[in-house]
Protein backbone atom coordinates (compact mmCIF):
# COMPACT_ATOMS: atom_id res chain seq x y z
CA MET A 1 40.83 -16.77 132.07
CA LYS A 2 39.07 -17.96 128.98
CA MET A 3 39.42 -21.69 129.58
CA LYS A 4 36.51 -23.77 128.36
CA LYS A 5 35.30 -27.25 129.19
CA ILE A 6 35.27 -29.49 126.11
CA TYR A 7 34.32 -32.89 127.61
CA ASP A 8 33.08 -34.33 130.89
CA GLU A 9 32.68 -38.07 130.77
CA THR A 10 32.42 -40.90 133.28
CA TYR A 11 33.61 -44.42 132.52
CA ASN A 12 32.65 -47.55 134.45
CA SER A 13 34.63 -50.78 134.40
CA VAL A 14 33.42 -54.32 134.97
CA ASP A 15 35.21 -54.55 138.33
CA GLY A 16 33.15 -51.71 139.83
CA ARG A 17 35.70 -48.92 139.38
CA SER A 18 34.70 -45.70 137.70
CA SER A 19 36.54 -42.62 136.53
CA ARG A 20 35.35 -39.18 135.64
CA ASN A 21 37.47 -37.43 133.04
CA VAL A 22 37.18 -33.70 132.37
CA TRP A 23 38.95 -31.85 129.56
CA TYR A 24 39.56 -28.13 129.31
CA THR A 25 41.18 -26.11 126.56
CA ASP A 26 42.46 -22.54 126.12
CA VAL A 27 44.36 -22.44 129.41
CA GLU A 28 47.17 -19.90 129.36
CA MET A 29 50.23 -21.86 130.55
CA HIS A 30 53.00 -20.00 128.65
CA GLN A 31 54.76 -16.75 129.27
CA ASP A 32 56.98 -14.90 126.80
CA ASN A 33 60.45 -13.88 127.90
CA GLU A 34 63.82 -13.12 126.38
CA TYR A 35 64.27 -16.82 125.42
CA GLY A 36 60.87 -17.19 123.74
CA SER A 37 57.66 -18.73 125.05
CA LEU A 38 58.17 -20.94 128.12
CA ALA A 39 55.71 -23.12 130.02
CA ASP A 40 54.71 -21.37 133.25
CA LEU A 41 52.08 -22.15 135.87
CA THR A 42 51.62 -18.65 137.21
CA GLU A 43 49.82 -18.12 140.54
CA MET A 44 46.79 -16.76 138.68
CA VAL A 45 46.61 -19.81 136.38
CA GLN A 46 47.03 -22.14 139.35
CA LYS A 47 44.22 -20.39 141.18
CA ASP A 48 41.90 -20.57 138.15
CA ILE A 49 42.64 -24.28 137.68
CA ILE A 50 42.17 -25.04 141.40
CA ASP A 51 38.86 -23.14 141.42
CA THR A 52 37.76 -25.14 138.37
CA ILE A 53 38.73 -28.46 139.97
CA LEU A 54 36.91 -27.61 143.23
CA HIS A 55 33.83 -26.55 141.30
CA ASP A 56 33.89 -29.82 139.35
CA LEU A 57 34.26 -31.83 142.56
CA ASP A 58 31.28 -30.06 144.12
CA LYS A 59 29.17 -31.17 141.13
CA ALA A 60 30.51 -34.73 141.08
CA GLU A 61 28.85 -38.05 141.57
CA SER A 62 30.75 -40.72 143.42
CA VAL A 63 33.57 -42.23 141.33
CA SER A 64 36.82 -44.09 142.07
CA GLU A 65 38.92 -41.27 140.60
CA THR A 66 38.63 -38.03 138.70
CA ASN A 67 41.08 -36.88 136.06
CA TRP A 68 41.44 -33.42 134.58
CA TYR A 69 43.27 -32.52 131.38
CA PHE A 70 44.11 -28.84 130.90
CA TYR A 71 45.40 -27.94 127.45
CA ASP A 72 47.40 -24.79 126.81
CA SER A 73 46.07 -22.07 124.53
CA THR A 74 49.51 -21.79 122.92
CA THR A 75 51.13 -24.24 120.52
CA ILE A 76 54.86 -24.30 119.93
CA LYS A 77 57.33 -26.22 117.79
CA ASP A 78 59.75 -28.76 119.19
CA ALA A 79 63.20 -29.60 117.81
CA ASN A 80 61.57 -31.85 115.20
CA GLU A 81 59.45 -28.88 114.03
CA GLU A 82 56.35 -30.70 115.26
CA THR A 83 53.57 -28.66 116.81
CA ILE A 84 52.95 -29.49 120.46
CA ARG A 85 50.64 -28.19 123.15
CA THR A 86 51.55 -28.07 126.83
CA SER A 87 49.12 -29.88 129.10
CA LEU A 88 48.58 -30.23 132.81
CA MET A 89 46.99 -33.46 134.03
CA VAL A 90 45.54 -33.80 137.50
CA LYS A 91 44.34 -37.02 139.16
CA TYR A 92 42.19 -37.15 142.30
CA LYS A 93 42.19 -40.62 143.80
CA LYS A 94 41.78 -41.87 147.37
CA ASN A 95 41.53 -38.29 148.69
CA HIS A 96 44.84 -37.19 147.16
CA PHE A 97 45.73 -35.03 144.17
CA TYR A 98 48.56 -35.80 141.76
CA ALA A 99 49.72 -33.51 138.97
CA HIS A 100 51.82 -34.00 135.84
CA PHE A 101 52.93 -31.26 133.46
CA ASN A 102 53.80 -32.12 129.84
CA ILE A 103 56.11 -29.49 128.40
CA SER A 104 58.24 -28.88 125.33
CA ASP A 105 61.92 -29.66 125.00
CA HIS A 106 62.54 -25.88 124.98
CA SER A 107 60.77 -25.34 128.31
CA PHE A 108 62.50 -28.42 129.76
CA ALA A 109 65.95 -27.09 128.83
CA LEU A 110 65.38 -23.54 130.03
CA ASN A 111 62.84 -23.74 132.84
CA PHE A 112 62.75 -27.30 134.23
CA GLU A 113 63.63 -26.50 137.86
CA GLU A 114 61.11 -23.64 138.05
CA ILE A 115 58.38 -25.76 136.47
CA GLN A 116 59.05 -28.59 138.96
CA LYS A 117 58.71 -26.12 141.83
CA GLN A 118 55.46 -24.76 140.37
CA VAL A 119 53.94 -28.24 139.93
CA LYS A 120 54.93 -29.27 143.45
CA LEU A 121 53.42 -26.07 144.88
CA PHE A 122 50.29 -26.61 142.80
CA GLU A 123 49.91 -30.20 144.10
CA THR A 124 50.60 -29.08 147.67
CA ASN A 125 47.98 -26.32 147.45
CA LEU A 126 45.38 -28.70 146.06
CA ASN A 127 45.98 -31.29 148.77
CA ARG A 128 45.98 -28.59 151.47
CA LEU A 129 42.50 -27.50 150.32
CA LEU A 130 41.21 -31.03 150.98
CA LYS A 131 41.98 -30.58 154.65
CA LYS A 132 39.99 -27.33 154.90
CA PRO A 133 36.22 -27.38 155.19
CA ARG A 134 34.54 -26.01 152.06
CA ALA A 135 31.35 -24.05 151.91
């Protein structure tokens, strides 16, 4: 995958909390099919993103939470003819991962159930990895 890191920043608040925020672009989260281009978290994309997250965690300093923002390499038009880009956001807080997938109206209409399954599996796999010892 050709994903590239564009930012890696840590923010501290006055109440002692801190967050690390890491942005990536050029992540391939769309697949073409008979209905056009649809958002899709394939197993290979999930693996690449998980590997990236684990690598970032290994290089991390202690923070209250870490947030990742993965932006799709593909842009598409919505019903308003506005250009949008699918994104996957991942939060790691209190030893738990949470994921949220922002998709187009087209992908929502045609692929919502499959995308929900993919995001749930992705989250489950990330949290399962926390329970395994890492080298």
